[in-house]
């Protein structure tokens, strides 16, 4: 079973920054669009940002445009989500998966808490 491994979450004040990292198995890293998703209690898991396999295209949810940047670290086979100007409403558990998602790829997620 393939699983992504997310890391980098934590507690940060509003306006601060965090850098999330997603370790991705080589079997899918080079050939698949990878995305970050987030989920808050009682709500569905929403797509935050995605990046194409060739690193040529990225897409963002309107709520994070201009604040979050997704990128690939090809040497480490990781997908990075740089988050800046964090807001309280960014508080969530963040996951990575391919886009479209694969049920078997979900990892444990990494929790981001932004204090107001």
PDB file of N, CA and C in Angstrom:
ATOM      1  N   UNK A   1       0.844  -1.189   0.000  1.00  0.00           N
ATOM      2  CA  UNK A   1       0.000   0.000   0.000  1.00  0.00           C
ATOM      3  C   UNK A   1       0.878   1.236   0.000  1.00  0.00           C
ATOM      4  N   UNK A   2       0.571   2.155  -0.902  1.00  0.00           N
ATOM      5  CA  UNK A   2       1.326   3.393  -1.011  1.00  0.00           C
ATOM      6  C   UNK A   2       0.734   4.400  -0.048  1.00  0.00           C
ATOM      7  N   UNK A   3       1.587   5.076   0.690  1.00  0.00           N
ATOM      8  CA  UNK A   3       1.099   6.137   1.557  1.00  0.00           C
ATOM      9  C   UNK A   3       2.003   7.343   1.456  1.00  0.00           C
ATOM     10  N   UNK A   4       1.384   8.488   1.514  1.00  0.00           N
ATOM     11  CA  UNK A   4       2.135   9.722   1.620  1.00  0.00           C
ATOM     12  C   UNK A   4       2.460   9.957   3.096  1.00  0.00           C
ATOM     13  N   UNK A   5       3.541  10.677   3.342  1.00  0.00           N
ATOM     14  CA  UNK A   5       3.924  11.017   4.708  1.00  0.00           C
ATOM     15  C   UNK A   5       4.052  12.530   4.808  1.00  0.00           C
ATOM     16  N   UNK A   6       3.151  13.119   5.586  1.00  0.00           N
ATOM     17  CA  UNK A   6       3.129  14.560   5.729  1.00  0.00           C
ATOM     18  C   UNK A   6       3.871  14.972   7.009  1.00  0.00           C
ATOM     19  N   UNK A   7       4.491  16.141   6.962  1.00  0.00           N
ATOM     20  CA  UNK A   7       5.178  16.674   8.138  1.00  0.00           C
ATOM     21  C   UNK A   7       5.253  18.187   8.047  1.00  0.00           C
ATOM     22  N   UNK A   8       5.606  18.814   9.150  1.00  0.00           N
ATOM     23  CA  UNK A   8       5.830  20.245   9.156  1.00  0.00           C
ATOM     24  C   UNK A   8       4.759  21.079   9.831  1.00  0.00           C
ATOM     25  N   UNK A   9       3.686  20.450  10.256  1.00  0.00           N
ATOM     26  CA  UNK A   9       2.634  21.202  10.901  1.00  0.00           C
ATOM     27  C   UNK A   9       3.048  21.690  12.275  1.00  0.00           C
ATOM     28  N   UNK A  10       2.190  22.490  12.877  1.00  0.00           N
ATOM     29  CA  UNK A  10       2.479  23.003  14.207  1.00  0.00           C
ATOM     30  C   UNK A  10       1.555  24.136  14.560  1.00  0.00           C
ATOM     31  N   UNK A  11       1.912  24.808  15.634  1.00  0.00           N
ATOM     32  CA  UNK A  11       1.152  25.954  16.129  1.00  0.00           C
ATOM     33  C   UNK A  11       1.871  27.236  15.726  1.00  0.00           C
ATOM     34  N   UNK A  12       1.124  28.156  15.147  1.00  0.00           N
ATOM     35  CA  UNK A  12       1.712  29.410  14.692  1.00  0.00           C
ATOM     36  C   UNK A  12       0.713  30.525  14.907  1.00  0.00           C
ATOM     37  N   UNK A  13       1.209  31.721  15.119  1.00  0.00           N
ATOM     38  CA  UNK A  13       0.318  32.861  15.266  1.00  0.00           C
ATOM     39  C   UNK A  13      -0.176  33.331  13.906  1.00  0.00           C
ATOM     40  N   UNK A  14      -1.305  33.958  13.903  1.00  0.00           N
ATOM     41  CA  UNK A  14      -1.832  34.537  12.664  1.00  0.00           C
ATOM     42  C   UNK A  14      -0.793  35.493  12.077  1.00  0.00           C
ATOM     43  N   UNK A  15      -0.648  35.391  10.757  1.00  0.00           N
ATOM     44  CA  UNK A  15       0.370  36.186  10.071  1.00  0.00           C
ATOM     45  C   UNK A  15       1.684  35.462   9.896  1.00  0.00           C
ATOM     46  N   UNK A  16       1.832  34.348  10.572  1.00  0.00           N
ATOM     47  CA  UNK A  16       3.074  33.592  10.508  1.00  0.00           C
ATOM     48  C   UNK A  16       3.128  32.664   9.307  1.00  0.00           C
ATOM     49  N   UNK A  17       4.180  31.850   9.281  1.00  0.00           N
ATOM     50  CA  UNK A  17       4.424  30.952   8.156  1.00  0.00           C
ATOM     51  C   UNK A  17       4.738  29.542   8.636  1.00  0.00           C
ATOM     52  N   UNK A  18       4.435  28.584   7.781  1.00  0.00           N
ATOM     53  CA  UNK A  18       4.816  27.194   8.001  1.00  0.00           C
ATOM     54  C   UNK A  18       5.168  26.566   6.660  1.00  0.00           C
ATOM     55  N   UNK A  19       5.988  25.553   6.733  1.00  0.00           N
ATOM     56  CA  UNK A  19       6.388  24.827   5.522  1.00  0.00           C
ATOM     57  C   UNK A  19       6.063  23.356   5.708  1.00  0.00           C
ATOM     58  N   UNK A  20       5.113  22.887   4.933  1.00  0.00           N
ATOM     59  CA  UNK A  20       4.713  21.489   5.003  1.00  0.00           C
ATOM     60  C   UNK A  20       5.452  20.683   3.946  1.00  0.00           C
ATOM     61  N   UNK A  21       5.715  19.434   4.290  1.00  0.00           N
ATOM     62  CA  UNK A  21       6.442  18.560   3.380  1.00  0.00           C
ATOM     63  C   UNK A  21       5.689  17.251   3.209  1.00  0.00           C
ATOM     64  N   UNK A  22       5.648  16.753   2.007  1.00  0.00           N
ATOM     65  CA  UNK A  22       4.961  15.497   1.690  1.00  0.00           C
ATOM     66  C   UNK A  22       5.968  14.565   1.022  1.00  0.00           C
ATOM     67  N   UNK A  23       6.314  13.508   1.714  1.00  0.00           N
ATOM     68  CA  UNK A  23       7.193  12.492   1.133  1.00  0.00           C
ATOM     69  C   UNK A  23       6.359  11.565   0.271  1.00  0.00           C
ATOM     70  N   UNK A  24       6.772  11.419  -0.955  1.00  0.00           N
ATOM     71  CA  UNK A  24       5.955  10.724  -1.949  1.00  0.00           C
ATOM     72  C   UNK A  24       6.728   9.536  -2.520  1.00  0.00           C
ATOM     73  N   UNK A  25       6.128   8.381  -2.583  1.00  0.00           N
ATOM     74  CA  UNK A  25       6.807   7.224  -3.180  1.00  0.00           C
ATOM     75  C   UNK A  25       7.219   7.498  -4.611  1.00  0.00           C
ATOM     76  N   UNK A  26       8.371   6.987  -4.982  1.00  0.00           N
ATOM     77  CA  UNK A  26       8.902   7.259  -6.308  1.00  0.00           C
ATOM     78  C   UNK A  26       7.980   6.754  -7.401  1.00  0.00           C
ATOM     79  N   UNK A  27       7.202   5.739  -7.082  1.00  0.00           N
ATOM     80  CA  UNK A  27       6.325   5.146  -8.091  1.00  0.00           C
ATOM     81  C   UNK A  27       5.311   6.128  -8.633  1.00  0.00           C
ATOM     82  N   UNK A  28       4.992   7.146  -7.870  1.00  0.00           N
ATOM     83  CA  UNK A  28       3.983   8.104  -8.342  1.00  0.00           C
ATOM     84  C   UNK A  28       4.524   9.525  -8.434  1.00  0.00           C
ATOM     85  N   UNK A  29       5.644   9.796  -7.792  1.00  0.00           N
ATOM     86  CA  UNK A  29       6.121  11.175  -7.713  1.00  0.00           C
ATOM     87  C   UNK A  29       6.329  11.778  -9.091  1.00  0.00           C
ATOM     88  N   UNK A  30       6.962  11.025  -9.991  1.00  0.00           N
ATOM     89  CA  UNK A  30       7.366  11.602 -11.277  1.00  0.00           C
ATOM     90  C   UNK A  30       6.247  11.642 -12.311  1.00  0.00           C
ATOM     91  N   UNK A  31       5.180  10.932 -12.048  1.00  0.00           N
ATOM     92  CA  UNK A  31       4.170  10.760 -13.104  1.00  0.00           C
ATOM     93  C   UNK A  31       2.794  11.277 -12.728  1.00  0.00           C
ATOM     94  N   UNK A  32       2.651  11.832 -11.542  1.00  0.00           N
ATOM     95  CA  UNK A  32       1.312  12.107 -11.035  1.00  0.00           C
ATOM     96  C   UNK A  32       1.209  13.530 -10.513  1.00  0.00           C
ATOM     97  N   UNK A  33       0.076  14.145 -10.761  1.00  0.00           N
ATOM     98  CA  UNK A  33      -0.226  15.415 -10.105  1.00  0.00           C
ATOM     99  C   UNK A  33      -0.412  15.153  -8.611  1.00  0.00           C
ATOM    100  N   UNK A  34       0.286  15.909  -7.805  1.00  0.00           N
ATOM    101  CA  UNK A  34       0.219  15.774  -6.350  1.00  0.00           C
ATOM    102  C   UNK A  34      -0.454  17.012  -5.777  1.00  0.00           C
ATOM    103  N   UNK A  35      -1.264  16.801  -4.768  1.00  0.00           N
ATOM    104  CA  UNK A  35      -2.013  17.918  -4.194  1.00  0.00           C
ATOM    105  C   UNK A  35      -1.986  17.882  -2.677  1.00  0.00           C
ATOM    106  N   UNK A  36      -2.200  19.042  -2.115  1.00  0.00           N
ATOM    107  CA  UNK A  36      -2.435  19.170  -0.679  1.00  0.00           C
ATOM    108  C   UNK A  36      -3.919  19.405  -0.449  1.00  0.00           C
ATOM    109  N   UNK A  37      -4.418  18.769   0.598  1.00  0.00           N
ATOM    110  CA  UNK A  37      -5.810  18.901   0.996  1.00  0.00           C
ATOM    111  C   UNK A  37      -5.839  19.259   2.477  1.00  0.00           C
ATOM    112  N   UNK A  38      -6.962  19.779   2.926  1.00  0.00           N
ATOM    113  CA  UNK A  38      -7.092  20.037   4.347  1.00  0.00           C
ATOM    114  C   UNK A  38      -8.508  19.739   4.805  1.00  0.00           C
ATOM    115  N   UNK A  39      -8.597  19.421   6.083  1.00  0.00           N
ATOM    116  CA  UNK A  39      -9.884  19.032   6.647  1.00  0.00           C
ATOM    117  C   UNK A  39     -10.018  19.562   8.061  1.00  0.00           C
ATOM    118  N   UNK A  40     -11.187  20.114   8.350  1.00  0.00           N
ATOM    119  CA  UNK A  40     -11.534  20.520   9.700  1.00  0.00           C
ATOM    120  C   UNK A  40     -12.666  19.620  10.183  1.00  0.00           C
ATOM    121  N   UNK A  41     -12.833  19.507  11.493  1.00  0.00           N
ATOM    122  CA  UNK A  41     -13.846  18.590  12.037  1.00  0.00           C
ATOM    123  C   UNK A  41     -15.235  18.846  11.458  1.00  0.00           C
ATOM    124  N   UNK A  42     -15.871  17.782  11.029  1.00  0.00           N
ATOM    125  CA  UNK A  42     -17.228  17.880  10.529  1.00  0.00           C
ATOM    126  C   UNK A  42     -17.353  18.347   9.096  1.00  0.00           C
ATOM    127  N   UNK A  43     -16.229  18.599   8.458  1.00  0.00           N
ATOM    128  CA  UNK A  43     -16.274  19.091   7.087  1.00  0.00           C
ATOM    129  C   UNK A  43     -15.529  18.134   6.151  1.00  0.00           C
ATOM    130  N   UNK A  44     -15.788  18.268   4.888  1.00  0.00           N
ATOM    131  CA  UNK A  44     -15.119  17.422   3.910  1.00  0.00           C
ATOM    132  C   UNK A  44     -13.684  17.882   3.714  1.00  0.00           C
ATOM    133  N   UNK A  45     -12.919  16.977   3.138  1.00  0.00           N
ATOM    134  CA  UNK A  45     -11.522  17.279   2.849  1.00  0.00           C
ATOM    135  C   UNK A  45     -11.456  18.070   1.538  1.00  0.00           C
ATOM    136  N   UNK A  46     -10.893  19.253   1.594  1.00  0.00           N
ATOM    137  CA  UNK A  46     -10.879  20.147   0.437  1.00  0.00           C
ATOM    138  C   UNK A  46      -9.486  20.269  -0.153  1.00  0.00           C
ATOM    139  N   UNK A  47      -9.440  20.441  -1.457  1.00  0.00           N
ATOM    140  CA  UNK A  47      -8.162  20.643  -2.128  1.00  0.00           C
ATOM    141  C   UNK A  47      -7.662  22.054  -1.855  1.00  0.00           C
ATOM    142  N   UNK A  48      -6.387  22.148  -1.519  1.00  0.00           N
ATOM    143  CA  UNK A  48      -5.765  23.443  -1.229  1.00  0.00           C
ATOM    144  C   UNK A  48      -4.908  23.898  -2.407  1.00  0.00           C
ATOM    145  N   UNK A  49      -4.075  22.976  -2.896  1.00  0.00           N
ATOM    146  CA  UNK A  49      -3.164  23.310  -3.993  1.00  0.00           C
ATOM    147  C   UNK A  49      -2.725  22.025  -4.669  1.00  0.00           C
ATOM    148  N   UNK A  50      -2.415  22.123  -5.949  1.00  0.00           N
ATOM    149  CA  UNK A  50      -1.922  20.958  -6.679  1.00  0.00           C
ATOM    150  C   UNK A  50      -0.797  21.377  -7.605  1.00  0.00           C
ATOM    151  N   UNK A  51       0.037  20.395  -7.958  1.00  0.00           N
ATOM    152  CA  UNK A  51       1.147  20.659  -8.866  1.00  0.00           C
ATOM    153  C   UNK A  51       1.285  19.491  -9.823  1.00  0.00           C
ATOM    154  N   UNK A  52       1.439  19.800 -11.088  1.00  0.00           N
ATOM    155  CA  UNK A  52       1.528  18.781 -12.113  1.00  0.00           C
ATOM    156  C   UNK A  52       2.819  17.988 -12.048  1.00  0.00           C
ATOM    157  N   UNK A  53       2.844  16.864 -12.728  1.00  0.00           N
ATOM    158  CA  UNK A  53       3.985  15.963 -12.683  1.00  0.00           C
ATOM    159  C   UNK A  53       5.235  16.588 -13.258  1.00  0.00           C
ATOM    160  N   UNK A  54       5.074  17.452 -14.228  1.00  0.00           N
ATOM    161  CA  UNK A  54       6.229  18.085 -14.849  1.00  0.00           C
ATOM    162  C   UNK A  54       6.606  19.400 -14.191  1.00  0.00           C
ATOM    163  N   UNK A  55       5.946  19.702 -13.100  1.00  0.00           N
ATOM    164  CA  UNK A  55       6.212  20.953 -12.368  1.00  0.00           C
ATOM    165  C   UNK A  55       5.825  22.183 -13.161  1.00  0.00           C
ATOM    166  N   UNK A  56       5.048  21.978 -14.189  1.00  0.00           N
ATOM    167  CA  UNK A  56       4.735  23.097 -15.072  1.00  0.00           C
ATOM    168  C   UNK A  56       3.440  23.810 -14.732  1.00  0.00           C
ATOM    169  N   UNK A  57       2.639  23.202 -13.915  1.00  0.00           N
ATOM    170  CA  UNK A  57       1.365  23.840 -13.620  1.00  0.00           C
ATOM    171  C   UNK A  57       1.002  23.642 -12.161  1.00  0.00           C
ATOM    172  N   UNK A  58       0.502  24.673 -11.554  1.00  0.00           N
ATOM    173  CA  UNK A  58       0.025  24.586 -10.179  1.00  0.00           C
ATOM    174  C   UNK A  58      -1.307  25.316 -10.082  1.00  0.00           C
ATOM    175  N   UNK A  59      -2.109  24.855  -9.157  1.00  0.00           N
ATOM    176  CA  UNK A  59      -3.429  25.431  -8.968  1.00  0.00           C
ATOM    177  C   UNK A  59      -3.687  25.589  -7.480  1.00  0.00           C
ATOM    178  N   UNK A  60      -4.466  26.611  -7.153  1.00  0.00           N
ATOM    179  CA  UNK A  60      -4.715  26.930  -5.758  1.00  0.00           C
ATOM    180  C   UNK A  60      -6.190  27.198  -5.521  1.00  0.00           C
ATOM    181  N   UNK A  61      -6.637  26.825  -4.346  1.00  0.00           N
ATOM    182  CA  UNK A  61      -7.966  27.248  -3.916  1.00  0.00           C
ATOM    183  C   UNK A  61      -7.961  28.763  -3.770  1.00  0.00           C
ATOM    184  N   UNK A  62      -9.087  29.380  -4.050  1.00  0.00           N
ATOM    185  CA  UNK A  62      -9.169  30.840  -3.976  1.00  0.00           C
ATOM    186  C   UNK A  62      -8.770  31.354  -2.592  1.00  0.00           C
ATOM    187  N   UNK A  63      -9.078  30.594  -1.576  1.00  0.00           N
ATOM    188  CA  UNK A  63      -8.830  31.043  -0.212  1.00  0.00           C
ATOM    189  C   UNK A  63      -7.345  31.136   0.143  1.00  0.00           C
ATOM    190  N   UNK A  64      -6.486  30.510  -0.658  1.00  0.00           N
ATOM    191  CA  UNK A  64      -5.057  30.520  -0.324  1.00  0.00           C
ATOM    192  C   UNK A  64      -4.209  31.182  -1.402  1.00  0.00           C
ATOM    193  N   UNK A  65      -4.815  31.591  -2.480  1.00  0.00           N
ATOM    194  CA  UNK A  65      -4.049  32.217  -3.562  1.00  0.00           C
ATOM    195  C   UNK A  65      -3.291  33.437  -3.054  1.00  0.00           C
ATOM    196  N   UNK A  66      -2.029  33.517  -3.457  1.00  0.00           N
ATOM    197  CA  UNK A  66      -1.206  34.638  -3.032  1.00  0.00           C
ATOM    198  C   UNK A  66      -0.550  34.432  -1.682  1.00  0.00           C
ATOM    199  N   UNK A  67      -0.966  33.396  -0.954  1.00  0.00           N
ATOM    200  CA  UNK A  67      -0.377  33.149   0.371  1.00  0.00           C
ATOM    201  C   UNK A  67       0.369  31.817   0.429  1.00  0.00           C
ATOM    202  N   UNK A  68      -0.116  30.829  -0.304  1.00  0.00           N
ATOM    203  CA  UNK A  68       0.494  29.496  -0.298  1.00  0.00           C
ATOM    204  C   UNK A  68       1.202  29.258  -1.628  1.00  0.00           C
ATOM    205  N   UNK A  69       2.290  28.505  -1.561  1.00  0.00           N
ATOM    206  CA  UNK A  69       3.019  28.123  -2.760  1.00  0.00           C
ATOM    207  C   UNK A  69       3.341  26.643  -2.696  1.00  0.00           C
ATOM    208  N   UNK A  70       2.981  25.925  -3.751  1.00  0.00           N
ATOM    209  CA  UNK A  70       3.281  24.501  -3.828  1.00  0.00           C
ATOM    210  C   UNK A  70       4.460  24.300  -4.777  1.00  0.00           C
ATOM    211  N   UNK A  71       5.331  23.373  -4.425  1.00  0.00           N
ATOM    212  CA  UNK A  71       6.495  23.132  -5.268  1.00  0.00           C
ATOM    213  C   UNK A  71       6.959  21.690  -5.097  1.00  0.00           C
ATOM    214  N   UNK A  72       7.823  21.264  -5.993  1.00  0.00           N
ATOM    215  CA  UNK A  72       8.404  19.926  -5.928  1.00  0.00           C
ATOM    216  C   UNK A  72       9.895  20.010  -5.611  1.00  0.00           C
ATOM    217  N   UNK A  73      10.333  19.142  -4.736  1.00  0.00           N
ATOM    218  CA  UNK A  73      11.758  18.948  -4.494  1.00  0.00           C
ATOM    219  C   UNK A  73      12.107  17.610  -5.136  1.00  0.00           C
ATOM    220  N   UNK A  74      12.594  17.656  -6.353  1.00  0.00           N
ATOM    221  CA  UNK A  74      12.805  16.416  -7.104  1.00  0.00           C
ATOM    222  C   UNK A  74      13.891  15.543  -6.484  1.00  0.00           C
ATOM    223  N   UNK A  75      14.893  16.159  -5.907  1.00  0.00           N
ATOM    224  CA  UNK A  75      15.983  15.380  -5.321  1.00  0.00           C
ATOM    225  C   UNK A  75      15.505  14.552  -4.130  1.00  0.00           C
ATOM    226  N   UNK A  76      14.560  15.101  -3.375  1.00  0.00           N
ATOM    227  CA  UNK A  76      14.085  14.415  -2.167  1.00  0.00           C
ATOM    228  C   UNK A  76      12.738  13.743  -2.379  1.00  0.00           C
ATOM    229  N   UNK A  77      12.178  13.872  -3.578  1.00  0.00           N
ATOM    230  CA  UNK A  77      10.848  13.309  -3.888  1.00  0.00           C
ATOM    231  C   UNK A  77       9.812  13.810  -2.881  1.00  0.00           C
ATOM    232  N   UNK A  78       9.808  15.102  -2.694  1.00  0.00           N
ATOM    233  CA  UNK A  78       8.844  15.695  -1.768  1.00  0.00           C
ATOM    234  C   UNK A  78       8.075  16.812  -2.465  1.00  0.00           C
ATOM    235  N   UNK A  79       6.873  16.993  -2.018  1.00  0.00           N
ATOM    236  CA  UNK A  79       6.060  18.119  -2.463  1.00  0.00           C
ATOM    237  C   UNK A  79       5.899  19.059  -1.275  1.00  0.00           C
ATOM    238  N   UNK A  80       6.255  20.295  -1.481  1.00  0.00           N
ATOM    239  CA  UNK A  80       6.310  21.288  -0.411  1.00  0.00           C
ATOM    240  C   UNK A  80       5.132  22.236  -0.528  1.00  0.00           C
ATOM    241  N   UNK A  81       4.565  22.572   0.609  1.00  0.00           N
ATOM    242  CA  UNK A  81       3.550  23.621   0.660  1.00  0.00           C
ATOM    243  C   UNK A  81       4.065  24.710   1.599  1.00  0.00           C
ATOM    244  N   UNK A  82       4.473  25.810   1.012  1.00  0.00           N
ATOM    245  CA  UNK A  82       4.924  26.959   1.799  1.00  0.00           C
ATOM    246  C   UNK A  82       3.711  27.834   2.076  1.00  0.00           C
ATOM    247  N   UNK A  83       3.435  28.034   3.350  1.00  0.00           N
ATOM    248  CA  UNK A  83       2.256  28.792   3.746  1.00  0.00           C
ATOM    249  C   UNK A  83       2.694  30.061   4.448  1.00  0.00           C
ATOM    250  N   UNK A  84       2.236  31.184   3.978  1.00  0.00           N
ATOM    251  CA  UNK A  84       2.558  32.466   4.582  1.00  0.00           C
ATOM    252  C   UNK A  84       1.270  33.220   4.901  1.00  0.00           C
ATOM    253  N   UNK A  85       1.420  34.278   5.669  1.00  0.00           N
ATOM    254  CA  UNK A  85       0.256  35.097   6.061  1.00  0.00           C
ATOM    255  C   UNK A  85      -0.888  34.232   6.544  1.00  0.00           C
ATOM    256  N   UNK A  86      -0.565  33.310   7.408  1.00  0.00           N
ATOM    257  CA  UNK A  86      -1.561  32.347   7.867  1.00  0.00           C
ATOM    258  C   UNK A  86      -2.678  33.029   8.631  1.00  0.00           C
ATOM    259  N   UNK A  87      -3.868  32.489   8.446  1.00  0.00           N
ATOM    260  CA  UNK A  87      -5.062  32.993   9.101  1.00  0.00           C
ATOM    261  C   UNK A  87      -5.635  31.900  10.003  1.00  0.00           C
ATOM    262  N   UNK A  88      -6.438  32.325  10.942  1.00  0.00           N
ATOM    263  CA  UNK A  88      -7.058  31.358  11.848  1.00  0.00           C
ATOM    264  C   UNK A  88      -7.834  30.306  11.061  1.00  0.00           C
ATOM    265  N   UNK A  89      -8.474  30.721   9.986  1.00  0.00           N
ATOM    266  CA  UNK A  89      -9.280  29.796   9.207  1.00  0.00           C
ATOM    267  C   UNK A  89      -8.449  28.787   8.413  1.00  0.00           C
ATOM    268  N   UNK A  90      -7.132  28.914   8.440  1.00  0.00           N
ATOM    269  CA  UNK A  90      -6.266  27.906   7.828  1.00  0.00           C
ATOM    270  C   UNK A  90      -6.044  26.721   8.773  1.00  0.00           C
ATOM    271  N   UNK A  91      -6.509  26.851   9.989  1.00  0.00           N
ATOM    272  CA  UNK A  91      -6.381  25.760  10.946  1.00  0.00           C
ATOM    273  C   UNK A  91      -7.084  24.511  10.426  1.00  0.00           C
ATOM    274  N   UNK A  92      -6.356  23.407  10.354  1.00  0.00           N
ATOM    275  CA  UNK A  92      -6.894  22.166   9.800  1.00  0.00           C
ATOM    276  C   UNK A  92      -5.825  21.085   9.888  1.00  0.00           C
ATOM    277  N   UNK A  93      -6.227  19.876   9.566  1.00  0.00           N
ATOM    278  CA  UNK A  93      -5.254  18.816   9.324  1.00  0.00           C
ATOM    279  C   UNK A  93      -4.999  18.801   7.814  1.00  0.00           C
ATOM    280  N   UNK A  94      -3.743  18.838   7.457  1.00  0.00           N
ATOM    281  CA  UNK A  94      -3.343  18.904   6.057  1.00  0.00           C
ATOM    282  C   UNK A  94      -2.840  17.537   5.597  1.00  0.00           C
ATOM    283  N   UNK A  95      -3.304  17.132   4.440  1.00  0.00           N
ATOM    284  CA  UNK A  95      -2.941  15.854   3.845  1.00  0.00           C
ATOM    285  C   UNK A  95      -2.435  16.073   2.430  1.00  0.00           C
ATOM    286  N   UNK A  96      -1.644  15.140   1.961  1.00  0.00           N
ATOM    287  CA  UNK A  96      -1.310  15.150   0.543  1.00  0.00           C
ATOM    288  C   UNK A  96      -1.763  13.834  -0.085  1.00  0.00           C
ATOM    289  N   UNK A  97      -2.009  13.892  -1.350  1.00  0.00           N
ATOM    290  CA  UNK A  97      -2.472  12.747  -2.120  1.00  0.00           C
ATOM    291  C   UNK A  97      -2.285  13.123  -3.578  1.00  0.00           C
ATOM    292  N   UNK A  98      -2.554  12.219  -4.444  1.00  0.00           N
ATOM    293  CA  UNK A  98      -2.541  12.599  -5.838  1.00  0.00           C
ATOM    294  C   UNK A  98      -3.835  13.345  -6.123  1.00  0.00           C
ATOM    295  N   UNK A  99      -3.924  13.912  -7.330  1.00  0.00           N
ATOM    296  CA  UNK A  99      -5.155  14.531  -7.788  1.00  0.00           C
ATOM    297  C   UNK A  99      -5.475  13.976  -9.159  1.00  0.00           C
ATOM    298  N   UNK A 100      -6.597  13.268  -9.306  1.00  0.00           N
ATOM    299  CA  UNK A 100      -7.611  12.975  -8.291  1.00  0.00           C
ATOM    300  C   UNK A 100      -7.092  12.017  -7.221  1.00  0.00           C
ATOM    301  N   UNK A 101      -7.773  12.013  -6.099  1.00  0.00           N
ATOM    302  CA  UNK A 101      -7.263  11.253  -4.954  1.00  0.00           C
ATOM    303  C   UNK A 101      -7.380   9.752  -5.160  1.00  0.00           C
ATOM    304  N   UNK A 102      -6.532   9.067  -4.433  1.00  0.00           N
ATOM    305  CA  UNK A 102      -6.569   7.602  -4.377  1.00  0.00           C
ATOM    306  C   UNK A 102      -6.764   7.229  -2.919  1.00  0.00           C
ATOM    307  N   UNK A 103      -7.762   6.410  -2.644  1.00  0.00           N
ATOM    308  CA  UNK A 103      -8.120   6.086  -1.255  1.00  0.00           C
ATOM    309  C   UNK A 103      -6.931   5.512  -0.486  1.00  0.00           C
ATOM    310  N   UNK A 104      -6.138   4.710  -1.133  1.00  0.00           N
ATOM    311  CA  UNK A 104      -5.044   4.038  -0.454  1.00  0.00           C
ATOM    312  C   UNK A 104      -3.824   4.888  -0.202  1.00  0.00           C
ATOM    313  N   UNK A 105      -3.820   6.099  -0.695  1.00  0.00           N
ATOM    314  CA  UNK A 105      -2.634   6.954  -0.566  1.00  0.00           C
ATOM    315  C   UNK A 105      -2.684   7.892   0.634  1.00  0.00           C
ATOM    316  N   UNK A 106      -3.825   7.984   1.297  1.00  0.00           N
ATOM    317  CA  UNK A 106      -3.936   8.938   2.403  1.00  0.00           C
ATOM    318  C   UNK A 106      -2.972   8.566   3.530  1.00  0.00           C
ATOM    319  N   UNK A 107      -2.257   9.586   4.016  1.00  0.00           N
ATOM    320  CA  UNK A 107      -1.398   9.403   5.162  1.00  0.00           C
ATOM    321  C   UNK A 107      -2.104   9.867   6.428  1.00  0.00           C
ATOM    322  N   UNK A 108      -1.307  10.113   7.463  1.00  0.00           N
ATOM    323  CA  UNK A 108      -1.871  10.516   8.751  1.00  0.00           C
ATOM    324  C   UNK A 108      -2.171  12.002   8.812  1.00  0.00           C
ATOM    325  N   UNK A 109      -1.612  12.750   7.890  1.00  0.00           N
ATOM    326  CA  UNK A 109      -1.826  14.185   7.908  1.00  0.00           C
ATOM    327  C   UNK A 109      -0.908  14.891   8.904  1.00  0.00           C
ATOM    328  N   UNK A 110      -0.871  16.202   8.792  1.00  0.00           N
ATOM    329  CA  UNK A 110      -0.119  17.018   9.739  1.00  0.00           C
ATOM    330  C   UNK A 110      -1.006  18.182  10.168  1.00  0.00           C
ATOM    331  N   UNK A 111      -1.063  18.405  11.459  1.00  0.00           N
ATOM    332  CA  UNK A 111      -2.006  19.394  11.992  1.00  0.00           C
ATOM    333  C   UNK A 111      -1.378  20.783  11.996  1.00  0.00           C
ATOM    334  N   UNK A 112      -2.159  21.730  11.489  1.00  0.00           N
ATOM    335  CA  UNK A 112      -1.772  23.144  11.508  1.00  0.00           C
ATOM    336  C   UNK A 112      -2.782  23.895  12.355  1.00  0.00           C
ATOM    337  N   UNK A 113      -2.277  24.596  13.346  1.00  0.00           N
ATOM    338  CA  UNK A 113      -3.130  25.397  14.205  1.00  0.00           C
ATOM    339  C   UNK A 113      -2.644  26.832  14.164  1.00  0.00           C
ATOM    340  N   UNK A 114      -3.540  27.724  13.766  1.00  0.00           N
ATOM    341  CA  UNK A 114      -3.193  29.144  13.681  1.00  0.00           C
ATOM    342  C   UNK A 114      -3.971  29.876  14.760  1.00  0.00           C
ATOM    343  N   UNK A 115      -3.257  30.465  15.684  1.00  0.00           N
ATOM    344  CA  UNK A 115      -3.919  31.186  16.770  1.00  0.00           C
ATOM    345  C   UNK A 115      -4.266  32.589  16.287  1.00  0.00           C
ATOM    346  N   UNK A 116      -5.448  33.008  16.710  1.00  0.00           N
ATOM    347  CA  UNK A 116      -5.936  34.316  16.267  1.00  0.00           C
ATOM    348  C   UNK A 116      -5.166  35.457  16.936  1.00  0.00           C
TER     349      UNK A 116
END
